[in-house]
C-alpha cells in the first residue's frame, strides 16, 4: 500500500501463479505499463495483475504482456511500447546470464511478441 508509483518495465519470469502483481494504492496516481509476466499455472487473469485491490480507481494499467495467458484481461501488447519491451528483454537476458539461470522460454516468447508488434528480432547472447 502506497501512493503514486511508476510500475513499468518489470518482469516475472517462470513465476508460479502466486507471483503475479497485486497493486494497492491509498492515494496518488500510478502508471502500470509495459510489465511482462510469465506465470506457471494460473488461477485466471485476476491473479496476473491485480490493480485497485482496495477499490481506488487511481491506477492506469495498460500495455502489459502476459506471455503465459494471452487471454488475460491484462494482456495488452502495444506497438507504442516496443522499446519498453526490448528493455525488459535486455534486462532479463543480462540477469539470466549473471544468475546463470534459464530464461529461454520467457525470452523467446517475449521476442515473438516484439516481432508481432513490428519490432526487430532480439537475441540474447
Foldseek 3Di string as FASTA:
>chain_A
DEEEDEAALAEAFAAALQPAAEDAHDYYAYEHAHYEYEYDDHPALCSNHPPHPVVDPRYHQAQYDYLNDCPRPNHHHDLVCLVSLVVSLVVVLVVCVVVVHDRPVVNVSSQVSSVVSPHDRDDRD
